[in-house]
Amino acid sequence: MKPTTPSDTPPVDRDIAERRLANQLSVAAVQAALVKAAADGETGSSPAPVPFRVMHQLATGTFDGDAQDLLNRISKDFNQRRKFRDIMRGVAVAYQGRQAAAASHDSGGPTTRPGPMFDLIMSPSSRDDGIVYLQLKFHALAQTGVSSGETHHDGSVPSMLFADRDGHFTVLRLPEVMDGTIQIMLDQSHDIVQAFRDPETEFFIR
């Protein structure tokens, strides 16, 4: 048998070859888009709204799951943000509204965000290690509803700090209240620290 020569090879239709290549590229592009959508949590359609019941569980600390992940989902939708904000206003133990101006951090000492129900005080670590201490100091009992045993009138104990910074919600679990004060150690990059520095941020305690 003689070896195959170029003249013995069937000619390739250029148009067919280009269409096959285009189809292969299209399939690869679709597969890549599906992988990216799965990684981003997107399905090609708007995510289902978070039910009111689940929002209420989140706001009252009874939600069994990743609270911050759910807050991120709520933060992406205007109507969801409005509903959750209304729920928070209804169940909050204490509230601090927007500030007239941003607090100064040039002195390196404690910085206070005052409020009618509680103050937020942020102090940098003396070791200059990127750690900050955030204190929550509650005011008069009649204003906050926090008793000497640190229990709200409905039997709840202050356990969560929510920040609403331009429509993005962040939550922080709170330790036990001691003598009307809560102290938390945070990294300076934490979202709550950034929210503290923004005068437009609103804070809710539940």
C-alpha atoms as a PDB file:
ATOM      1  CA  MET A   1       0.000   0.000   0.000  1.00  0.00           C
ATOM      2  CA  LYS A   2       1.426   3.325  -0.975  1.00  0.00           C
ATOM      3  CA  PRO A   3       1.651   6.085   1.608  1.00  0.00           C
ATOM      4  CA  THR A   4      -1.106   8.648   1.730  1.00  0.00           C
ATOM      5  CA  THR A   5      -0.345  11.804  -0.120  1.00  0.00           C
ATOM      6  CA  PRO A   6      -1.994  15.213   0.273  1.00  0.00           C
ATOM      7  CA  SER A   7      -3.862  14.622  -2.928  1.00  0.00           C
ATOM      8  CA  ASP A   8      -5.475  11.505  -1.386  1.00  0.00           C
ATOM      9  CA  THR A   9      -6.848  13.459   1.652  1.00  0.00           C
ATOM     10  CA  PRO A  10     -10.443  14.623   1.252  1.00  0.00           C
ATOM     11  CA  PRO A  11     -10.605  18.411   0.970  1.00  0.00           C
ATOM     12  CA  VAL A  12     -11.816  20.327   4.055  1.00  0.00           C
ATOM     13  CA  ASP A  13     -14.684  22.719   3.573  1.00  0.00           C
ATOM     14  CA  ARG A  14     -13.522  25.993   5.137  1.00  0.00           C
ATOM     15  CA  ASP A  15     -17.044  27.184   5.977  1.00  0.00           C
ATOM     16  CA  ILE A  16     -17.840  23.935   7.820  1.00  0.00           C
ATOM     17  CA  ALA A  17     -14.567  24.117   9.749  1.00  0.00           C
ATOM     18  CA  GLU A  18     -15.235  27.710  10.833  1.00  0.00           C
ATOM     19  CA  ARG A  19     -18.780  26.841  11.982  1.00  0.00           C
ATOM     20  CA  ARG A  20     -17.491  23.899  14.019  1.00  0.00           C
ATOM     21  CA  LEU A  21     -14.876  26.096  15.659  1.00  0.00           C
ATOM     22  CA  ALA A  22     -17.486  28.764  16.424  1.00  0.00           C
ATOM     23  CA  ASN A  23     -19.785  26.149  17.983  1.00  0.00           C
ATOM     24  CA  GLN A  24     -16.953  24.843  20.156  1.00  0.00           C
ATOM     25  CA  LEU A  25     -16.139  28.373  21.336  1.00  0.00           C
ATOM     26  CA  SER A  26     -19.820  29.072  22.076  1.00  0.00           C
ATOM     27  CA  VAL A  27     -20.161  25.919  24.183  1.00  0.00           C
ATOM     28  CA  ALA A  28     -17.000  26.812  26.095  1.00  0.00           C
ATOM     29  CA  ALA A  29     -18.293  30.356  26.691  1.00  0.00           C
ATOM     30  CA  VAL A  30     -21.635  29.080  27.992  1.00  0.00           C
ATOM     31  CA  GLN A  31     -19.916  26.607  30.306  1.00  0.00           C
ATOM     32  CA  ALA A  32     -17.632  29.327  31.650  1.00  0.00           C
ATOM     33  CA  ALA A  33     -20.634  31.617  32.252  1.00  0.00           C
ATOM     34  CA  LEU A  34     -22.451  28.849  34.136  1.00  0.00           C
ATOM     35  CA  VAL A  35     -19.420  28.234  36.341  1.00  0.00           C
ATOM     36  CA  LYS A  36     -19.106  31.946  37.092  1.00  0.00           C
ATOM     37  CA  ALA A  37     -22.834  32.239  37.824  1.00  0.00           C
ATOM     38  CA  ALA A  38     -22.637  29.354  40.255  1.00  0.00           C
ATOM     39  CA  ALA A  39     -19.647  30.945  41.968  1.00  0.00           C
ATOM     40  CA  ASP A  40     -21.418  34.301  42.233  1.00  0.00           C
ATOM     41  CA  GLY A  41     -24.663  32.752  43.438  1.00  0.00           C
ATOM     42  CA  GLU A  42     -26.489  33.919  40.314  1.00  0.00           C
ATOM     43  CA  THR A  43     -28.904  31.794  38.309  1.00  0.00           C
ATOM     44  CA  GLY A  44     -29.830  34.120  35.487  1.00  0.00           C
ATOM     45  CA  SER A  45     -32.937  35.342  37.310  1.00  0.00           C
ATOM     46  CA  SER A  46     -33.541  37.539  40.327  1.00  0.00           C
ATOM     47  CA  PRO A  47     -33.121  35.680  43.632  1.00  0.00           C
ATOM     48  CA  ALA A  48     -36.286  34.907  45.542  1.00  0.00           C
ATOM     49  CA  PRO A  49     -37.144  37.588  48.113  1.00  0.00           C
ATOM     50  CA  VAL A  50     -36.381  36.874  51.748  1.00  0.00           C
ATOM     51  CA  PRO A  51     -39.691  36.121  53.537  1.00  0.00           C
ATOM     52  CA  PHE A  52     -40.868  38.504  56.261  1.00  0.00           C
ATOM     53  CA  ARG A  53     -40.710  35.675  58.819  1.00  0.00           C
ATOM     54  CA  VAL A  54     -37.036  35.039  58.053  1.00  0.00           C
ATOM     55  CA  MET A  55     -36.239  38.767  58.242  1.00  0.00           C
ATOM     56  CA  HIS A  56     -37.929  38.910  61.640  1.00  0.00           C
ATOM     57  CA  GLN A  57     -35.921  35.911  62.828  1.00  0.00           C
ATOM     58  CA  LEU A  58     -32.740  37.606  61.658  1.00  0.00           C
ATOM     59  CA  ALA A  59     -33.622  40.887  63.383  1.00  0.00           C
ATOM     60  CA  THR A  60     -34.463  39.156  66.667  1.00  0.00           C
ATOM     61  CA  GLY A  61     -31.496  36.792  66.693  1.00  0.00           C
ATOM     62  CA  THR A  62     -33.426  33.576  66.156  1.00  0.00           C
ATOM     63  CA  PHE A  63     -32.279  32.949  62.578  1.00  0.00           C
ATOM     64  CA  ASP A  64     -30.400  29.652  62.317  1.00  0.00           C
ATOM     65  CA  GLY A  65     -27.833  30.276  59.618  1.00  0.00           C
ATOM     66  CA  ASP A  66     -25.254  32.717  58.284  1.00  0.00           C
ATOM     67  CA  ALA A  67     -26.732  36.068  59.343  1.00  0.00           C
ATOM     68  CA  GLN A  68     -24.245  38.208  57.426  1.00  0.00           C
ATOM     69  CA  ASP A  69     -24.744  36.241  54.208  1.00  0.00           C
ATOM     70  CA  LEU A  70     -28.490  36.831  54.454  1.00  0.00           C
ATOM     71  CA  LEU A  71     -27.947  40.524  55.224  1.00  0.00           C
ATOM     72  CA  ASN A  72     -25.806  40.823  52.096  1.00  0.00           C
ATOM     73  CA  ARG A  73     -28.682  39.355  50.095  1.00  0.00           C
ATOM     74  CA  ILE A  74     -31.175  41.775  51.633  1.00  0.00           C
ATOM     75  CA  SER A  75     -28.823  44.708  51.004  1.00  0.00           C
ATOM     76  CA  LYS A  76     -28.936  44.118  47.238  1.00  0.00           C
ATOM     77  CA  ASP A  77     -32.663  44.870  46.911  1.00  0.00           C
ATOM     78  CA  PHE A  78     -34.251  48.249  47.676  1.00  0.00           C
ATOM     79  CA  ASN A  79     -37.624  46.854  48.791  1.00  0.00           C
ATOM     80  CA  GLN A  80     -35.950  44.196  50.927  1.00  0.00           C
ATOM     81  CA  ARG A  81     -33.787  46.841  52.605  1.00  0.00           C
ATOM     82  CA  ARG A  82     -36.815  48.981  53.372  1.00  0.00           C
ATOM     83  CA  LYS A  83     -38.744  46.056  54.882  1.00  0.00           C
ATOM     84  CA  PHE A  84     -35.823  44.941  57.016  1.00  0.00           C
ATOM     85  CA  ARG A  85     -35.192  48.496  58.228  1.00  0.00           C
ATOM     86  CA  ASP A  86     -38.843  48.762  59.304  1.00  0.00           C
ATOM     87  CA  ILE A  87     -38.557  45.456  61.178  1.00  0.00           C
ATOM     88  CA  MET A  88     -35.395  46.621  62.910  1.00  0.00           C
ATOM     89  CA  ARG A  89     -37.036  49.843  64.055  1.00  0.00           C
ATOM     90  CA  GLY A  90     -39.843  47.825  65.558  1.00  0.00           C
ATOM     91  CA  VAL A  91     -37.756  45.288  67.487  1.00  0.00           C
ATOM     92  CA  ALA A  92     -34.631  47.276  68.394  1.00  0.00           C
ATOM     93  CA  VAL A  93     -33.688  47.692  72.051  1.00  0.00           C
ATOM     94  CA  ALA A  94     -31.876  50.943  71.245  1.00  0.00           C
ATOM     95  CA  TYR A  95     -31.161  53.092  68.201  1.00  0.00           C
ATOM     96  CA  GLN A  96     -28.559  55.651  67.123  1.00  0.00           C
ATOM     97  CA  GLY A  97     -29.278  57.794  64.080  1.00  0.00           C
ATOM     98  CA  ARG A  98     -27.081  59.623  61.630  1.00  0.00           C
ATOM     99  CA  GLN A  99     -24.439  62.062  62.859  1.00  0.00           C
ATOM    100  CA  ALA A 100     -24.057  65.679  61.852  1.00  0.00           C
ATOM    101  CA  ALA A 101     -20.436  65.118  60.813  1.00  0.00           C
ATOM    102  CA  ALA A 102     -17.769  62.452  60.745  1.00  0.00           C
ATOM    103  CA  ALA A 103     -15.751  62.035  63.916  1.00  0.00           C
ATOM    104  CA  SER A 104     -12.075  63.020  63.839  1.00  0.00           C
ATOM    105  CA  HIS A 105      -9.458  60.294  64.284  1.00  0.00           C
ATOM    106  CA  ASP A 106      -6.320  62.452  64.135  1.00  0.00           C
ATOM    107  CA  SER A 107      -5.614  62.501  67.870  1.00  0.00           C
ATOM    108  CA  GLY A 108      -5.092  58.755  68.133  1.00  0.00           C
ATOM    109  CA  GLY A 109      -7.256  58.643  71.248  1.00  0.00           C
ATOM    110  CA  PRO A 110     -10.843  57.510  71.865  1.00  0.00           C
ATOM    111  CA  THR A 111     -13.490  58.802  69.463  1.00  0.00           C
ATOM    112  CA  THR A 112     -17.143  59.010  70.500  1.00  0.00           C
ATOM    113  CA  ARG A 113     -20.327  58.811  68.459  1.00  0.00           C
ATOM    114  CA  PRO A 114     -22.957  60.084  70.907  1.00  0.00           C
ATOM    115  CA  GLY A 115     -26.594  59.073  70.735  1.00  0.00           C
ATOM    116  CA  PRO A 116     -29.733  59.588  72.835  1.00  0.00           C
ATOM    117  CA  MET A 117     -29.888  55.907  73.855  1.00  0.00           C
ATOM    118  CA  PHE A 118     -26.250  54.818  73.793  1.00  0.00           C
ATOM    119  CA  ASP A 119     -22.796  56.073  72.849  1.00  0.00           C
ATOM    120  CA  LEU A 120     -20.315  54.287  70.610  1.00  0.00           C
ATOM    121  CA  ILE A 121     -16.694  54.821  71.620  1.00  0.00           C
ATOM    122  CA  MET A 122     -13.776  53.595  69.518  1.00  0.00           C
ATOM    123  CA  SER A 123     -10.207  53.454  70.839  1.00  0.00           C
ATOM    124  CA  PRO A 124      -7.107  52.226  68.976  1.00  0.00           C
ATOM    125  CA  SER A 125      -4.915  49.613  70.594  1.00  0.00           C
ATOM    126  CA  SER A 126      -1.874  51.032  72.361  1.00  0.00           C
ATOM    127  CA  ARG A 127       0.266  48.395  70.621  1.00  0.00           C
ATOM    128  CA  ASP A 128      -0.420  49.869  67.162  1.00  0.00           C
ATOM    129  CA  ASP A 129      -1.354  46.395  65.899  1.00  0.00           C
ATOM    130  CA  GLY A 130      -4.424  47.323  63.841  1.00  0.00           C
ATOM    131  CA  ILE A 131      -6.804  46.395  66.661  1.00  0.00           C
ATOM    132  CA  VAL A 132      -9.500  48.771  67.904  1.00  0.00           C
ATOM    133  CA  TYR A 133     -11.774  48.551  70.929  1.00  0.00           C
ATOM    134  CA  LEU A 134     -15.421  49.421  70.430  1.00  0.00           C
ATOM    135  CA  GLN A 135     -17.493  50.272  73.499  1.00  0.00           C
ATOM    136  CA  LEU A 136     -21.262  50.630  73.732  1.00  0.00           C
ATOM    137  CA  LYS A 137     -22.342  52.705  76.732  1.00  0.00           C
ATOM    138  CA  PHE A 138     -26.051  52.733  77.490  1.00  0.00           C
ATOM    139  CA  HIS A 139     -27.769  55.837  78.892  1.00  0.00           C
ATOM    140  CA  ALA A 140     -30.703  56.315  81.279  1.00  0.00           C
ATOM    141  CA  LEU A 141     -32.851  53.256  81.875  1.00  0.00           C
ATOM    142  CA  ALA A 142     -36.036  55.084  80.940  1.00  0.00           C
ATOM    143  CA  GLN A 143     -34.590  55.892  77.519  1.00  0.00           C
ATOM    144  CA  THR A 144     -33.055  52.556  76.585  1.00  0.00           C
ATOM    145  CA  GLY A 145     -35.345  50.102  78.343  1.00  0.00           C
ATOM    146  CA  VAL A 146     -32.235  48.298  79.627  1.00  0.00           C
ATOM    147  CA  SER A 147     -32.670  47.427  83.304  1.00  0.00           C
ATOM    148  CA  SER A 148     -30.018  46.907  85.949  1.00  0.00           C
ATOM    149  CA  GLY A 149     -29.980  43.263  84.879  1.00  0.00           C
ATOM    150  CA  GLU A 150     -29.491  44.416  81.257  1.00  0.00           C
ATOM    151  CA  THR A 151     -32.797  42.877  80.166  1.00  0.00           C
ATOM    152  CA  HIS A 152     -35.183  44.638  77.784  1.00  0.00           C
ATOM    153  CA  HIS A 153     -38.852  45.039  78.666  1.00  0.00           C
ATOM    154  CA  ASP A 154     -39.802  42.088  76.426  1.00  0.00           C
ATOM    155  CA  GLY A 155     -37.346  39.770  78.174  1.00  0.00           C
ATOM    156  CA  SER A 156     -34.605  39.993  75.537  1.00  0.00           C
ATOM    157  CA  VAL A 157     -30.969  40.749  76.323  1.00  0.00           C
ATOM    158  CA  PRO A 158     -28.973  43.092  74.032  1.00  0.00           C
ATOM    159  CA  SER A 159     -27.073  40.635  71.877  1.00  0.00           C
ATOM    160  CA  MET A 160     -26.614  42.110  68.385  1.00  0.00           C
ATOM    161  CA  LEU A 161     -25.447  45.382  66.871  1.00  0.00           C
ATOM    162  CA  PHE A 162     -26.753  46.131  63.374  1.00  0.00           C
ATOM    163  CA  ALA A 163     -25.267  48.863  61.184  1.00  0.00           C
ATOM    164  CA  ASP A 164     -27.113  50.317  58.199  1.00  0.00           C
ATOM    165  CA  ARG A 165     -24.472  52.046  56.105  1.00  0.00           C
ATOM    166  CA  ASP A 166     -25.982  53.442  52.924  1.00  0.00           C
ATOM    167  CA  GLY A 167     -28.231  50.434  52.473  1.00  0.00           C
ATOM    168  CA  HIS A 168     -25.630  47.813  53.383  1.00  0.00           C
ATOM    169  CA  PHE A 169     -26.386  45.948  56.612  1.00  0.00           C
ATOM    170  CA  THR A 170     -23.723  44.524  58.902  1.00  0.00           C
ATOM    171  CA  VAL A 171     -24.282  42.566  62.104  1.00  0.00           C
ATOM    172  CA  LEU A 172     -22.047  41.978  65.105  1.00  0.00           C
ATOM    173  CA  ARG A 173     -22.789  39.588  67.960  1.00  0.00           C
ATOM    174  CA  LEU A 174     -22.430  41.300  71.329  1.00  0.00           C
ATOM    175  CA  PRO A 175     -20.869  39.897  74.504  1.00  0.00           C
ATOM    176  CA  GLU A 176     -22.441  40.279  77.932  1.00  0.00           C
ATOM    177  CA  VAL A 177     -23.306  43.745  79.212  1.00  0.00           C
ATOM    178  CA  MET A 178     -21.310  44.742  82.292  1.00  0.00           C
ATOM    179  CA  ASP A 179     -22.362  47.821  84.291  1.00  0.00           C
ATOM    180  CA  GLY A 180     -24.202  49.241  81.302  1.00  0.00           C
ATOM    181  CA  THR A 181     -21.197  48.857  78.983  1.00  0.00           C
ATOM    182  CA  ILE A 182     -20.236  46.401  76.239  1.00  0.00           C
ATOM    183  CA  GLN A 183     -16.670  46.220  74.941  1.00  0.00           C
ATOM    184  CA  ILE A 184     -15.606  44.443  71.737  1.00  0.00           C
ATOM    185  CA  MET A 185     -12.173  43.975  70.164  1.00  0.00           C
ATOM    186  CA  LEU A 186     -12.184  44.332  66.360  1.00  0.00           C
ATOM    187  CA  ASP A 187      -9.759  44.547  63.478  1.00  0.00           C
ATOM    188  CA  GLN A 188      -9.695  48.055  62.039  1.00  0.00           C
ATOM    189  CA  SER A 189     -10.830  46.684  58.655  1.00  0.00           C
ATOM    190  CA  HIS A 190     -14.066  45.279  60.119  1.00  0.00           C
ATOM    191  CA  ASP A 191     -17.257  46.584  58.465  1.00  0.00           C
ATOM    192  CA  ILE A 192     -18.579  47.813  61.824  1.00  0.00           C
ATOM    193  CA  VAL A 193     -15.465  49.963  62.276  1.00  0.00           C
ATOM    194  CA  GLN A 194     -15.932  51.435  58.807  1.00  0.00           C
ATOM    195  CA  ALA A 195     -19.610  52.042  59.576  1.00  0.00           C
ATOM    196  CA  PHE A 196     -18.639  53.846  62.802  1.00  0.00           C
ATOM    197  CA  ARG A 197     -16.532  56.275  60.776  1.00  0.00           C
ATOM    198  CA  ASP A 198     -19.375  57.083  58.379  1.00  0.00           C
ATOM    199  CA  PRO A 199     -21.683  59.801  59.815  1.00  0.00           C
ATOM    200  CA  GLU A 200     -24.553  58.530  57.637  1.00  0.00           C
ATOM    201  CA  THR A 201     -24.606  55.117  59.344  1.00  0.00           C
ATOM    202  CA  GLU A 202     -27.566  54.172  61.528  1.00  0.00           C
ATOM    203  CA  PHE A 203     -27.084  51.663  64.370  1.00  0.00           C
ATOM    204  CA  PHE A 204     -29.648  49.332  65.916  1.00  0.00           C
ATOM    205  CA  ILE A 205     -29.196  47.164  69.011  1.00  0.00           C
ATOM    206  CA  ARG A 206     -31.289  44.081  69.572  1.00  0.00           C
END
